[in-house]
PDB file of N, CA and C in Angstrom:
ATOM      1  N   MET A   1     -15.220  10.711  10.978  1.00  0.00           N
ATOM      2  CA  MET A   1     -14.230  11.413  10.194  1.00  0.00           C
ATOM      3  C   MET A   1     -14.685  12.863  10.064  1.00  0.00           C
ATOM      4  N   ILE A   2     -13.803  13.785  10.395  1.00  0.00           N
ATOM      5  CA  ILE A   2     -14.125  15.202  10.316  1.00  0.00           C
ATOM      6  C   ILE A   2     -13.855  15.713   8.911  1.00  0.00           C
ATOM      7  N   ASP A   3     -14.879  16.290   8.294  1.00  0.00           N
ATOM      8  CA  ASP A   3     -14.766  16.889   6.970  1.00  0.00           C
ATOM      9  C   ASP A   3     -14.010  15.998   5.986  1.00  0.00           C
ATOM     10  N   PRO A   4     -14.565  14.827   5.677  1.00  0.00           N
ATOM     11  CA  PRO A   4     -13.868  13.919   4.760  1.00  0.00           C
ATOM     12  C   PRO A   4     -13.745  14.530   3.365  1.00  0.00           C
ATOM     13  N   LYS A   5     -12.657  14.202   2.693  1.00  0.00           N
ATOM     14  CA  LYS A   5     -12.402  14.660   1.319  1.00  0.00           C
ATOM     15  C   LYS A   5     -12.474  13.460   0.398  1.00  0.00           C
ATOM     16  N   ARG A   6     -12.943  13.707  -0.789  1.00  0.00           N
ATOM     17  CA  ARG A   6     -13.089  12.634  -1.763  1.00  0.00           C
ATOM     18  C   ARG A   6     -11.908  12.674  -2.730  1.00  0.00           C
ATOM     19  N   THR A   7     -11.419  11.488  -3.085  1.00  0.00           N
ATOM     20  CA  THR A   7     -10.350  11.381  -4.071  1.00  0.00           C
ATOM     21  C   THR A   7     -10.534  10.083  -4.843  1.00  0.00           C
ATOM     22  N   THR A   8      -9.857   9.974  -5.939  1.00  0.00           N
ATOM     23  CA  THR A   8      -9.905   8.747  -6.732  1.00  0.00           C
ATOM     24  C   THR A   8      -8.551   8.056  -6.627  1.00  0.00           C
ATOM     25  N   VAL A   9      -8.592   6.788  -6.302  1.00  0.00           N
ATOM     26  CA  VAL A   9      -7.376   5.986  -6.200  1.00  0.00           C
ATOM     27  C   VAL A   9      -7.560   4.780  -7.109  1.00  0.00           C
ATOM     28  N   TYR A  10      -6.555   4.475  -7.898  1.00  0.00           N
ATOM     29  CA  TYR A  10      -6.623   3.327  -8.789  1.00  0.00           C
ATOM     30  C   TYR A  10      -5.768   2.197  -8.203  1.00  0.00           C
ATOM     31  N   PHE A  11      -6.386   1.032  -8.047  1.00  0.00           N
ATOM     32  CA  PHE A  11      -5.701  -0.154  -7.551  1.00  0.00           C
ATOM     33  C   PHE A  11      -5.583  -1.167  -8.680  1.00  0.00           C
ATOM     34  N   ALA A  12      -4.543  -1.964  -8.618  1.00  0.00           N
ATOM     35  CA  ALA A  12      -4.459  -3.098  -9.535  1.00  0.00           C
ATOM     36  C   ALA A  12      -5.676  -3.979  -9.261  1.00  0.00           C
ATOM     37  N   ALA A  13      -6.171  -4.651 -10.273  1.00  0.00           N
ATOM     38  CA  ALA A  13      -7.409  -5.432 -10.142  1.00  0.00           C
ATOM     39  C   ALA A  13      -7.336  -6.444  -9.003  1.00  0.00           C
ATOM     40  N   ASP A  14      -6.208  -7.142  -8.873  1.00  0.00           N
ATOM     41  CA  ASP A  14      -6.106  -8.148  -7.815  1.00  0.00           C
ATOM     42  C   ASP A  14      -6.055  -7.521  -6.431  1.00  0.00           C
ATOM     43  N   VAL A  15      -5.433  -6.347  -6.316  1.00  0.00           N
ATOM     44  CA  VAL A  15      -5.398  -5.639  -5.029  1.00  0.00           C
ATOM     45  C   VAL A  15      -6.802  -5.166  -4.667  1.00  0.00           C
ATOM     46  N   HIS A  16      -7.519  -4.642  -5.638  1.00  0.00           N
ATOM     47  CA  HIS A  16      -8.883  -4.175  -5.382  1.00  0.00           C
ATOM     48  C   HIS A  16      -9.783  -5.324  -4.936  1.00  0.00           C
ATOM     49  N   ARG A  17      -9.639  -6.457  -5.596  1.00  0.00           N
ATOM     50  CA  ARG A  17     -10.441  -7.623  -5.228  1.00  0.00           C
ATOM     51  C   ARG A  17     -10.121  -8.060  -3.796  1.00  0.00           C
ATOM     52  N   ALA A  18      -8.835  -8.084  -3.456  1.00  0.00           N
ATOM     53  CA  ALA A  18      -8.433  -8.464  -2.095  1.00  0.00           C
ATOM     54  C   ALA A  18      -8.986  -7.474  -1.073  1.00  0.00           C
ATOM     55  N   LEU A  19      -8.946  -6.195  -1.394  1.00  0.00           N
ATOM     56  CA  LEU A  19      -9.506  -5.180  -0.494  1.00  0.00           C
ATOM     57  C   LEU A  19     -11.007  -5.366  -0.297  1.00  0.00           C
ATOM     58  N   ARG A  20     -11.719  -5.606  -1.402  1.00  0.00           N
ATOM     59  CA  ARG A  20     -13.179  -5.817  -1.293  1.00  0.00           C
ATOM     60  C   ARG A  20     -13.490  -7.022  -0.424  1.00  0.00           C
ATOM     61  N   LEU A  21     -12.759  -8.120  -0.636  1.00  0.00           N
ATOM     62  CA  LEU A  21     -12.998  -9.326   0.152  1.00  0.00           C
ATOM     63  C   LEU A  21     -12.676  -9.107   1.623  1.00  0.00           C
ATOM     64  N   LYS A  22     -11.551  -8.477   1.891  1.00  0.00           N
ATOM     65  CA  LYS A  22     -11.168  -8.224   3.281  1.00  0.00           C
ATOM     66  C   LYS A  22     -12.156  -7.273   3.952  1.00  0.00           C
ATOM     67  N   ALA A  23     -12.599  -6.260   3.230  1.00  0.00           N
ATOM     68  CA  ALA A  23     -13.579  -5.320   3.778  1.00  0.00           C
ATOM     69  C   ALA A  23     -14.883  -6.030   4.102  1.00  0.00           C
ATOM     70  N   ALA A  24     -15.299  -6.911   3.238  1.00  0.00           N
ATOM     71  CA  ALA A  24     -16.548  -7.647   3.472  1.00  0.00           C
ATOM     72  C   ALA A  24     -16.426  -8.551   4.697  1.00  0.00           C
ATOM     73  N   VAL A  25     -15.312  -9.253   4.805  1.00  0.00           N
ATOM     74  CA  VAL A  25     -15.102 -10.152   5.939  1.00  0.00           C
ATOM     75  C   VAL A  25     -15.026  -9.364   7.253  1.00  0.00           C
ATOM     76  N   ALA A  26     -14.389  -8.200   7.204  1.00  0.00           N
ATOM     77  CA  ALA A  26     -14.205  -7.381   8.403  1.00  0.00           C
ATOM     78  C   ALA A  26     -15.402  -6.472   8.673  1.00  0.00           C
ATOM     79  N   ASP A  27     -16.388  -6.482   7.779  1.00  0.00           N
ATOM     80  CA  ASP A  27     -17.561  -5.605   7.885  1.00  0.00           C
ATOM     81  C   ASP A  27     -17.135  -4.136   7.999  1.00  0.00           C
ATOM     82  N   ARG A  28     -16.219  -3.741   7.102  1.00  0.00           N
ATOM     83  CA  ARG A  28     -15.700  -2.374   7.055  1.00  0.00           C
ATOM     84  C   ARG A  28     -15.770  -1.893   5.612  1.00  0.00           C
ATOM     85  N   THR A  29     -15.542  -0.629   5.418  1.00  0.00           N
ATOM     86  CA  THR A  29     -15.468  -0.101   4.061  1.00  0.00           C
ATOM     87  C   THR A  29     -14.016  -0.084   3.600  1.00  0.00           C
ATOM     88  N   ILE A  30     -13.837  -0.120   2.281  1.00  0.00           N
ATOM     89  CA  ILE A  30     -12.496   0.001   1.729  1.00  0.00           C
ATOM     90  C   ILE A  30     -11.904   1.338   2.152  1.00  0.00           C
ATOM     91  N   SER A  31     -12.722   2.365   2.151  1.00  0.00           N
ATOM     92  CA  SER A  31     -12.274   3.696   2.539  1.00  0.00           C
ATOM     93  C   SER A  31     -11.694   3.697   3.951  1.00  0.00           C
ATOM     94  N   ASP A  32     -12.386   3.060   4.893  1.00  0.00           N
ATOM     95  CA  ASP A  32     -11.886   2.985   6.271  1.00  0.00           C
ATOM     96  C   ASP A  32     -10.559   2.242   6.330  1.00  0.00           C
ATOM     97  N   MET A  33     -10.470   1.153   5.583  1.00  0.00           N
ATOM     98  CA  MET A  33      -9.238   0.369   5.591  1.00  0.00           C
ATOM     99  C   MET A  33      -8.071   1.159   4.998  1.00  0.00           C
ATOM    100  N   VAL A  34      -8.315   1.872   3.906  1.00  0.00           N
ATOM    101  CA  VAL A  34      -7.264   2.662   3.277  1.00  0.00           C
ATOM    102  C   VAL A  34      -6.854   3.805   4.199  1.00  0.00           C
ATOM    103  N   ASN A  35      -7.813   4.473   4.834  1.00  0.00           N
ATOM    104  CA  ASN A  35      -7.496   5.541   5.784  1.00  0.00           C
ATOM    105  C   ASN A  35      -6.617   5.018   6.912  1.00  0.00           C
ATOM    106  N   ASP A  36      -6.957   3.847   7.459  1.00  0.00           N
ATOM    107  CA  ASP A  36      -6.163   3.261   8.543  1.00  0.00           C
ATOM    108  C   ASP A  36      -4.753   2.937   8.070  1.00  0.00           C
ATOM    109  N   ALA A  37      -4.621   2.398   6.869  1.00  0.00           N
ATOM    110  CA  ALA A  37      -3.302   2.044   6.326  1.00  0.00           C
ATOM    111  C   ALA A  37      -2.448   3.298   6.108  1.00  0.00           C
ATOM    112  N   VAL A  38      -3.063   4.352   5.587  1.00  0.00           N
ATOM    113  CA  VAL A  38      -2.326   5.600   5.359  1.00  0.00           C
ATOM    114  C   VAL A  38      -1.922   6.218   6.694  1.00  0.00           C
ATOM    115  N   ARG A  39      -2.832   6.214   7.667  1.00  0.00           N
ATOM    116  CA  ARG A  39      -2.489   6.733   9.001  1.00  0.00           C
ATOM    117  C   ARG A  39      -1.316   5.955   9.606  1.00  0.00           C
ATOM    118  N   ALA A  40      -1.330   4.647   9.465  1.00  0.00           N
ATOM    119  CA  ALA A  40      -0.244   3.816   9.998  1.00  0.00           C
ATOM    120  C   ALA A  40       1.082   4.157   9.318  1.00  0.00           C
ATOM    121  N   ALA A  41       1.051   4.345   8.008  1.00  0.00           N
ATOM    122  CA  ALA A  41       2.267   4.701   7.272  1.00  0.00           C
ATOM    123  C   ALA A  41       2.778   6.073   7.706  1.00  0.00           C
ATOM    124  N   LEU A  42       1.870   7.030   7.889  1.00  0.00           N
ATOM    125  CA  LEU A  42       2.275   8.367   8.326  1.00  0.00           C
ATOM    126  C   LEU A  42       2.820   8.336   9.751  1.00  0.00           C
ATOM    127  N   ALA A  43       2.219   7.520  10.611  1.00  0.00           N
ATOM    128  CA  ALA A  43       2.709   7.397  11.993  1.00  0.00           C
ATOM    129  C   ALA A  43       4.115   6.808  12.003  1.00  0.00           C
ATOM    130  N   GLU A  44       4.356   5.834  11.133  1.00  0.00           N
ATOM    131  CA  GLU A  44       5.690   5.241  11.026  1.00  0.00           C
ATOM    132  C   GLU A  44       6.696   6.286  10.556  1.00  0.00           C
ATOM    133  N   ASP A  45       6.292   7.114   9.595  1.00  0.00           N
ATOM    134  CA  ASP A  45       7.167   8.195   9.131  1.00  0.00           C
ATOM    135  C   ASP A  45       7.476   9.160  10.272  1.00  0.00           C
ATOM    136  N   ALA A  46       6.459   9.484  11.073  1.00  0.00           N
ATOM    137  CA  ALA A  46       6.658  10.397  12.205  1.00  0.00           C
ATOM    138  C   ALA A  46       7.641   9.798  13.209  1.00  0.00           C
ATOM    139  N   GLU A  47       7.547   8.499  13.456  1.00  0.00           N
ATOM    140  CA  GLU A  47       8.487   7.831  14.367  1.00  0.00           C
ATOM    141  C   GLU A  47       9.899   7.884  13.808  1.00  0.00           C
ATOM    142  N   ASP A  48      10.043   7.661  12.501  1.00  0.00           N
ATOM    143  CA  ASP A  48      11.363   7.724  11.874  1.00  0.00           C
ATOM    144  C   ASP A  48      11.954   9.124  11.997  1.00  0.00           C
ATOM    145  N   LEU A  49      11.142  10.143  11.744  1.00  0.00           N
ATOM    146  CA  LEU A  49      11.626  11.520  11.838  1.00  0.00           C
ATOM    147  C   LEU A  49      12.035  11.856  13.270  1.00  0.00           C
ATOM    148  N   ALA A  50      11.266  11.370  14.249  1.00  0.00           N
ATOM    149  CA  ALA A  50      11.619  11.602  15.655  1.00  0.00           C
ATOM    150  C   ALA A  50      12.941  10.929  15.985  1.00  0.00           C
ATOM    151  N   ALA A  51      13.158   9.726  15.472  1.00  0.00           N
ATOM    152  CA  ALA A  51      14.421   9.020  15.715  1.00  0.00           C
ATOM    153  C   ALA A  51      15.586   9.782  15.089  1.00  0.00           C
ATOM    154  N   PHE A  52      15.389  10.322  13.886  1.00  0.00           N
ATOM    155  CA  PHE A  52      16.444  11.117  13.255  1.00  0.00           C
ATOM    156  C   PHE A  52      16.768  12.343  14.111  1.00  0.00           C
ATOM    157  N   ASP A  53      15.731  13.007  14.627  1.00  0.00           N
ATOM    158  CA  ASP A  53      15.944  14.179  15.478  1.00  0.00           C
ATOM    159  C   ASP A  53      16.731  13.816  16.732  1.00  0.00           C
ATOM    160  N   GLU A  54      16.397  12.674  17.343  1.00  0.00           N
ATOM    161  CA  GLU A  54      17.091  12.244  18.552  1.00  0.00           C
ATOM    162  C   GLU A  54      18.567  11.973  18.285  1.00  0.00           C
ATOM    163  N   ARG A  55      18.872  11.487  17.088  1.00  0.00           N
ATOM    164  CA  ARG A  55      20.250  11.103  16.773  1.00  0.00           C
ATOM    165  C   ARG A  55      21.017  12.195  16.033  1.00  0.00           C
ATOM    166  N   ARG A  56      20.377  13.330  15.825  1.00  0.00           N
ATOM    167  CA  ARG A  56      20.978  14.414  15.038  1.00  0.00           C
ATOM    168  C   ARG A  56      22.347  14.839  15.577  1.00  0.00           C
ATOM    169  N   LYS A  57      22.520  14.832  16.894  1.00  0.00           N
ATOM    170  CA  LYS A  57      23.762  15.313  17.499  1.00  0.00           C
ATOM    171  C   LYS A  57      24.840  14.239  17.597  1.00  0.00           C
ATOM    172  N   GLU A  58      24.514  13.012  17.194  1.00  0.00           N
ATOM    173  CA  GLU A  58      25.512  11.947  17.247  1.00  0.00           C
ATOM    174  C   GLU A  58      26.615  12.192  16.222  1.00  0.00           C
ATOM    175  N   ARG A  59      27.788  11.744  16.555  1.00  0.00           N
ATOM    176  CA  ARG A  59      28.932  11.873  15.656  1.00  0.00           C
ATOM    177  C   ARG A  59      28.708  10.973  14.446  1.00  0.00           C
ATOM    178  N   GLU A  60      28.989  11.499  13.272  1.00  0.00           N
ATOM    179  CA  GLU A  60      28.876  10.701  12.053  1.00  0.00           C
ATOM    180  C   GLU A  60      30.129   9.861  11.868  1.00  0.00           C
ATOM    181  N   ILE A  61      29.934   8.620  11.428  1.00  0.00           N
ATOM    182  CA  ILE A  61      31.046   7.721  11.157  1.00  0.00           C
ATOM    183  C   ILE A  61      30.976   7.332   9.687  1.00  0.00           C
ATOM    184  N   PRO A  62      32.047   7.608   8.934  1.00  0.00           N
ATOM    185  CA  PRO A  62      32.036   7.202   7.524  1.00  0.00           C
ATOM    186  C   PRO A  62      31.882   5.678   7.414  1.00  0.00           C
ATOM    187  N   PHE A  63      31.141   5.254   6.424  1.00  0.00           N
ATOM    188  CA  PHE A  63      30.844   3.830   6.261  1.00  0.00           C
ATOM    189  C   PHE A  63      32.107   2.988   6.175  1.00  0.00           C
ATOM    190  N   ASP A  64      33.082   3.448   5.389  1.00  0.00           N
ATOM    191  CA  ASP A  64      34.298   2.648   5.241  1.00  0.00           C
ATOM    192  C   ASP A  64      35.033   2.495   6.567  1.00  0.00           C
ATOM    193  N   SER A  65      35.044   3.537   7.387  1.00  0.00           N
ATOM    194  CA  SER A  65      35.667   3.438   8.712  1.00  0.00           C
ATOM    195  C   SER A  65      34.920   2.447   9.588  1.00  0.00           C
ATOM    196  N   PHE A  66      33.615   2.464   9.498  1.00  0.00           N
ATOM    197  CA  PHE A  66      32.792   1.547  10.286  1.00  0.00           C
ATOM    198  C   PHE A  66      33.080   0.094   9.913  1.00  0.00           C
ATOM    199  N   VAL A  67      33.156  -0.170   8.609  1.00  0.00           N
ATOM    200  CA  VAL A  67      33.429  -1.532   8.135  1.00  0.00           C
ATOM    201  C   VAL A  67      34.834  -1.966   8.548  1.00  0.00           C
ATOM    202  N   LYS A  68      35.813  -1.063   8.416  1.00  0.00           N
ATOM    203  CA  LYS A  68      37.173  -1.390   8.832  1.00  0.00           C
ATOM    204  C   LYS A  68      37.224  -1.715  10.323  1.00  0.00           C
ATOM    205  N   ASP A  69      36.481  -0.963  11.126  1.00  0.00           N
ATOM    206  CA  ASP A  69      36.447  -1.215  12.566  1.00  0.00           C
ATOM    207  C   ASP A  69      35.807  -2.571  12.864  1.00  0.00           C
ATOM    208  N   LEU A  70      34.754  -2.918  12.152  1.00  0.00           N
ATOM    209  CA  LEU A  70      34.122  -4.226  12.333  1.00  0.00           C
ATOM    210  C   LEU A  70      35.115  -5.353  12.003  1.00  0.00           C
ATOM    211  N   ARG A  71      35.847  -5.162  10.917  1.00  0.00           N
ATOM    212  CA  ARG A  71      36.832  -6.161  10.504  1.00  0.00           C
ATOM    213  C   ARG A  71      37.951  -6.255  11.553  1.00  0.00           C
ATOM    214  N   ARG A  72      38.430  -5.129  12.055  1.00  0.00           N
ATOM    215  CA  ARG A  72      39.486  -5.090  13.067  1.00  0.00           C
ATOM    216  C   ARG A  72      39.068  -5.825  14.329  1.00  0.00           C
ATOM    217  N   ARG A  73      37.784  -5.694  14.700  1.00  0.00           N
ATOM    218  CA  ARG A  73      37.278  -6.329  15.920  1.00  0.00           C
ATOM    219  C   ARG A  73      36.838  -7.778  15.684  1.00  0.00           C
ATOM    220  N   GLY A  74      37.046  -8.286  14.457  1.00  0.00           N
ATOM    221  CA  GLY A  74      36.698  -9.667  14.161  1.00  0.00           C
ATOM    222  C   GLY A  74      35.219  -9.919  13.968  1.00  0.00           C
ATOM    223  N   ARG A  75      34.467  -8.880  13.702  1.00  0.00           N
ATOM    224  CA  ARG A  75      33.010  -9.011  13.484  1.00  0.00           C
ATOM    225  C   ARG A  75      32.665  -9.364  12.045  1.00  0.00           C
ATOM    226  N   LEU A  76      33.612  -9.158  11.162  1.00  0.00           N
ATOM    227  CA  LEU A  76      33.401  -9.501   9.731  1.00  0.00           C
ATOM    228  C   LEU A  76      34.443 -10.509   9.295  1.00  0.00           C
TER     229      LEU A  76
END
């Protein structure tokens, strides 16, 4: 980890216990596990933002029109 920063995070007691147990079984630190989880969440956000960018030029369809079209086509 390049230039790690320290912070305080408060977990519910049962979550903290589960993290400690999982870290022990995996022979990892809680810090490593939390970093990996945060990275995964941020990567998912980046994928969502990329998908929004790709679809930015698509025509918008009002929800009510979409539902009416589904009903017209026998999908609802």
